[in-house]
Amino acid sequence: MSAEVDRHVSPTHDTSVRLGMIVFLASDVMLFSAFFTAYYLLRSVAADWPPDGIELDVLRAAVATAVLVASSFTMIAVDRAIAAGQRALARRWLIATVALGAAFIANQISEYASIEFAIDDHTYGSVYWTLTGVHALHVGAGLGTLAMLFVRLVRAADLTATEPFAAATSMYWHMVDVVWIAVFVTIWIVR
């Protein structure tokens, strides 16, 4: 295989990466669907939902949601910069995406420290902690993946070689964002 061929990503590889990520995301959506189904089923049979004394900060969660949504827009800017061959711009937008994701996680940790119920206090606590916790783990995994993308953007001799990984990372990050919107609406708005 020549050096020139090594630097370019074949269309088959690009398609395989994207298809693999779509299949993974479909399985992840099914995981979250089970959690949402459990939430709404338990809510439908509970006499008091959420239990008395549960006060969640809707404004704080709304601001965190806006931060995460903003990170999807910065991720779109990363994709566009990569497609345009603008390595430095892609890295700057990626740093912004990581910063917004980290701010979201910091808020989530802060909220966990301030709420007055535990996972084993009642059914609502179990569902709240599980749904938000699984999502937080996904954001953490996404931040790790964004960090790997940053390293690839720094080290790649040819920016087009990063496109399949960047596209897969972007799809994952947008899925995490969409799932959070559903979590926010479910826990803080619908209650």
Protein backbone atom coordinates (compact mmCIF):
# COMPACT_ATOMS: atom_id res chain seq x y z
CA MET A 1 0.00 0.00 0.00
CA SER A 2 1.46 3.35 -0.95
CA ALA A 3 1.97 6.20 1.52
CA GLU A 4 -0.58 8.31 -0.37
CA VAL A 5 -3.29 5.67 0.02
CA ASP A 6 -2.53 5.39 3.76
CA ARG A 7 -3.29 9.07 4.33
CA HIS A 8 -6.72 9.02 2.75
CA VAL A 9 -9.78 7.32 4.13
CA SER A 10 -11.57 5.04 1.75
CA PRO A 11 -15.28 5.64 1.18
CA THR A 12 -15.95 2.09 2.38
CA HIS A 13 -14.19 2.74 5.69
CA ASP A 14 -16.05 6.02 6.13
CA THR A 15 -19.39 4.29 5.49
CA SER A 16 -18.52 1.45 7.86
CA VAL A 17 -17.63 3.86 10.67
CA ARG A 18 -20.86 5.80 10.21
CA LEU A 19 -22.98 2.65 9.98
CA GLY A 20 -21.32 1.20 13.08
CA MET A 21 -22.05 4.39 15.02
CA ILE A 22 -25.68 4.41 13.85
CA VAL A 23 -26.14 0.82 15.05
CA PHE A 24 -24.49 1.69 18.38
CA LEU A 25 -26.66 4.78 18.80
CA ALA A 26 -29.79 2.77 18.03
CA SER A 27 -28.91 0.36 20.84
CA ASP A 28 -28.22 3.30 23.14
CA VAL A 29 -31.58 4.85 22.31
CA MET A 30 -33.19 1.52 23.20
CA LEU A 31 -31.40 1.60 26.57
CA PHE A 32 -32.73 5.06 27.34
CA SER A 33 -36.16 4.10 26.04
CA ALA A 34 -36.32 1.40 28.72
CA PHE A 35 -35.46 3.97 31.40
CA PHE A 36 -38.08 6.43 30.14
CA THR A 37 -40.67 3.66 29.97
CA ALA A 38 -39.89 2.69 33.55
CA TYR A 39 -40.14 6.32 34.66
CA TYR A 40 -43.56 6.86 33.09
CA LEU A 41 -44.92 3.48 34.22
CA LEU A 42 -43.83 4.08 37.81
CA ARG A 43 -45.18 7.62 37.65
CA SER A 44 -48.55 6.35 36.42
CA VAL A 45 -49.05 4.03 39.40
CA ALA A 46 -47.56 6.24 42.12
CA ALA A 47 -49.92 7.95 44.52
CA ASP A 48 -47.58 10.92 44.89
CA TRP A 49 -45.05 11.74 42.17
CA PRO A 50 -42.56 13.10 42.98
CA PRO A 51 -42.86 12.50 46.72
CA ASP A 52 -43.49 15.43 49.04
CA GLY A 53 -40.39 17.46 49.78
CA ILE A 54 -38.73 16.90 46.41
CA GLU A 55 -37.81 20.26 44.97
CA LEU A 56 -35.59 20.33 41.92
CA ASP A 57 -34.19 23.60 40.58
CA VAL A 58 -35.87 23.98 37.19
CA LEU A 59 -33.98 27.16 36.26
CA ARG A 60 -30.63 25.53 37.02
CA ALA A 61 -31.53 22.49 34.92
CA ALA A 62 -32.77 24.74 32.10
CA VAL A 63 -29.46 26.63 32.05
CA ALA A 64 -27.55 23.32 32.02
CA THR A 65 -29.76 22.17 29.15
CA ALA A 66 -28.98 25.36 27.21
CA VAL A 67 -25.26 24.77 27.81
CA LEU A 68 -25.50 21.22 26.46
CA VAL A 69 -27.55 22.35 23.46
CA ALA A 70 -24.92 25.03 22.77
CA SER A 71 -22.28 22.29 22.75
CA SER A 72 -24.11 20.63 19.86
CA PHE A 73 -23.80 23.84 17.85
CA THR A 74 -20.09 24.09 18.61
CA MET A 75 -19.75 20.45 17.52
CA ILE A 76 -21.42 21.33 14.22
CA ALA A 77 -18.80 24.07 13.85
CA VAL A 78 -16.08 21.44 14.44
CA ASP A 79 -17.50 19.28 11.66
CA ARG A 80 -17.66 22.22 9.26
CA ALA A 81 -14.11 23.33 10.07
CA ILE A 82 -12.80 19.80 9.46
CA ALA A 83 -14.67 19.59 6.16
CA ALA A 84 -13.15 22.95 5.14
CA GLY A 85 -9.66 21.79 6.11
CA GLN A 86 -9.33 24.38 8.88
CA ARG A 87 -7.44 22.45 11.54
CA ALA A 88 -6.86 25.34 13.99
CA LEU A 89 -10.49 26.43 13.81
CA ALA A 90 -11.68 22.84 14.34
CA ARG A 91 -9.50 22.56 17.44
CA ARG A 92 -10.83 25.84 18.86
CA TRP A 93 -14.44 24.80 18.35
CA LEU A 94 -13.64 21.40 19.84
CA ILE A 95 -12.18 23.03 22.95
CA ALA A 96 -15.39 25.07 23.24
CA THR A 97 -17.43 21.87 22.93
CA VAL A 98 -15.39 20.17 25.66
CA ALA A 99 -15.69 23.23 27.91
CA LEU A 100 -19.47 23.30 27.53
CA GLY A 101 -19.72 19.55 28.16
CA ALA A 102 -17.49 19.88 31.23
CA ALA A 103 -19.64 22.76 32.51
CA PHE A 104 -22.71 20.54 32.11
CA ILE A 105 -21.08 17.72 34.07
CA ALA A 106 -19.87 20.13 36.77
CA ASN A 107 -23.44 21.36 37.17
CA GLN A 108 -24.72 17.78 37.38
CA ILE A 109 -22.20 16.91 40.10
CA SER A 110 -23.11 20.08 41.96
CA GLU A 111 -26.79 19.20 41.74
CA TYR A 112 -26.13 15.69 43.02
CA ALA A 113 -24.35 17.20 46.01
CA SER A 114 -27.26 19.52 46.78
CA ILE A 115 -30.33 17.30 46.42
CA GLU A 116 -31.74 15.87 49.60
CA PHE A 117 -32.73 12.39 48.51
CA ALA A 118 -30.73 9.31 47.72
CA ILE A 119 -31.14 6.57 45.15
CA ASP A 120 -32.59 4.21 47.79
CA ASP A 121 -34.96 6.65 49.55
CA HIS A 122 -37.95 5.95 47.28
CA THR A 123 -38.90 4.89 43.77
CA TYR A 124 -38.63 8.44 42.48
CA GLY A 125 -35.09 8.67 43.84
CA SER A 126 -34.14 5.42 42.12
CA VAL A 127 -35.48 6.54 38.77
CA TYR A 128 -34.05 10.08 39.06
CA TRP A 129 -30.55 8.92 40.00
CA THR A 130 -30.51 6.12 37.43
CA LEU A 131 -31.76 8.20 34.50
CA THR A 132 -29.58 11.23 35.18
CA GLY A 133 -26.62 9.08 36.23
CA VAL A 134 -26.64 6.96 33.07
CA HIS A 135 -26.84 10.15 31.04
CA ALA A 136 -23.94 11.69 33.00
CA LEU A 137 -21.87 8.58 32.23
CA HIS A 138 -22.65 9.07 28.55
CA VAL A 139 -21.55 12.70 28.72
CA GLY A 140 -18.33 11.60 30.44
CA ALA A 141 -17.70 9.03 27.69
CA GLY A 142 -18.43 11.72 25.13
CA LEU A 143 -15.91 14.06 26.73
CA GLY A 144 -13.31 11.30 26.54
CA THR A 145 -14.11 10.75 22.88
CA LEU A 146 -13.89 14.49 22.20
CA ALA A 147 -10.46 14.48 23.83
CA MET A 148 -9.39 11.63 21.51
CA LEU A 149 -10.68 13.64 18.55
CA PHE A 150 -8.60 16.61 19.68
CA VAL A 151 -5.47 14.43 19.74
CA ARG A 152 -6.29 13.20 16.24
CA LEU A 153 -6.76 16.77 15.03
CA VAL A 154 -3.35 17.68 16.42
CA ARG A 155 -1.50 14.62 15.15
CA ALA A 156 -3.11 13.81 11.79
CA ALA A 157 -0.90 14.54 8.81
CA ASP A 158 -4.00 14.80 6.64
CA LEU A 159 -7.13 16.32 8.17
CA THR A 160 -9.42 14.22 5.98
CA ALA A 161 -8.20 11.14 7.86
CA THR A 162 -10.00 12.43 10.95
CA GLU A 163 -13.38 12.86 9.24
CA PRO A 164 -14.88 9.40 9.89
CA PHE A 165 -13.97 9.50 13.60
CA ALA A 166 -15.14 13.12 13.85
CA ALA A 167 -18.46 12.25 12.19
CA ALA A 168 -19.04 9.32 14.55
CA THR A 169 -18.09 11.45 17.56
CA SER A 170 -20.45 14.17 16.39
CA MET A 171 -23.35 11.74 16.01
CA TYR A 172 -22.75 10.42 19.52
CA TRP A 173 -22.53 13.92 21.01
CA HIS A 174 -25.78 15.00 19.33
CA MET A 175 -27.53 11.85 20.60
CA VAL A 176 -26.39 12.66 24.16
CA ASP A 177 -27.82 16.15 23.69
CA VAL A 178 -31.19 14.94 22.39
CA VAL A 179 -31.48 12.37 25.18
CA TRP A 180 -30.78 15.08 27.77
CA ILE A 181 -33.59 17.22 26.37
CA ALA A 182 -35.93 14.26 26.91
CA VAL A 183 -34.53 13.77 30.45
CA PHE A 184 -34.99 17.47 31.23
CA VAL A 185 -38.57 17.51 29.96
CA THR A 186 -39.39 14.29 31.81
CA ILE A 187 -37.88 15.10 35.21
CA TRP A 188 -38.06 18.88 35.46
CA ILE A 189 -41.05 19.84 33.30
CA VAL A 190 -43.54 16.94 33.20
CA ARG A 191 -42.53 15.65 36.64
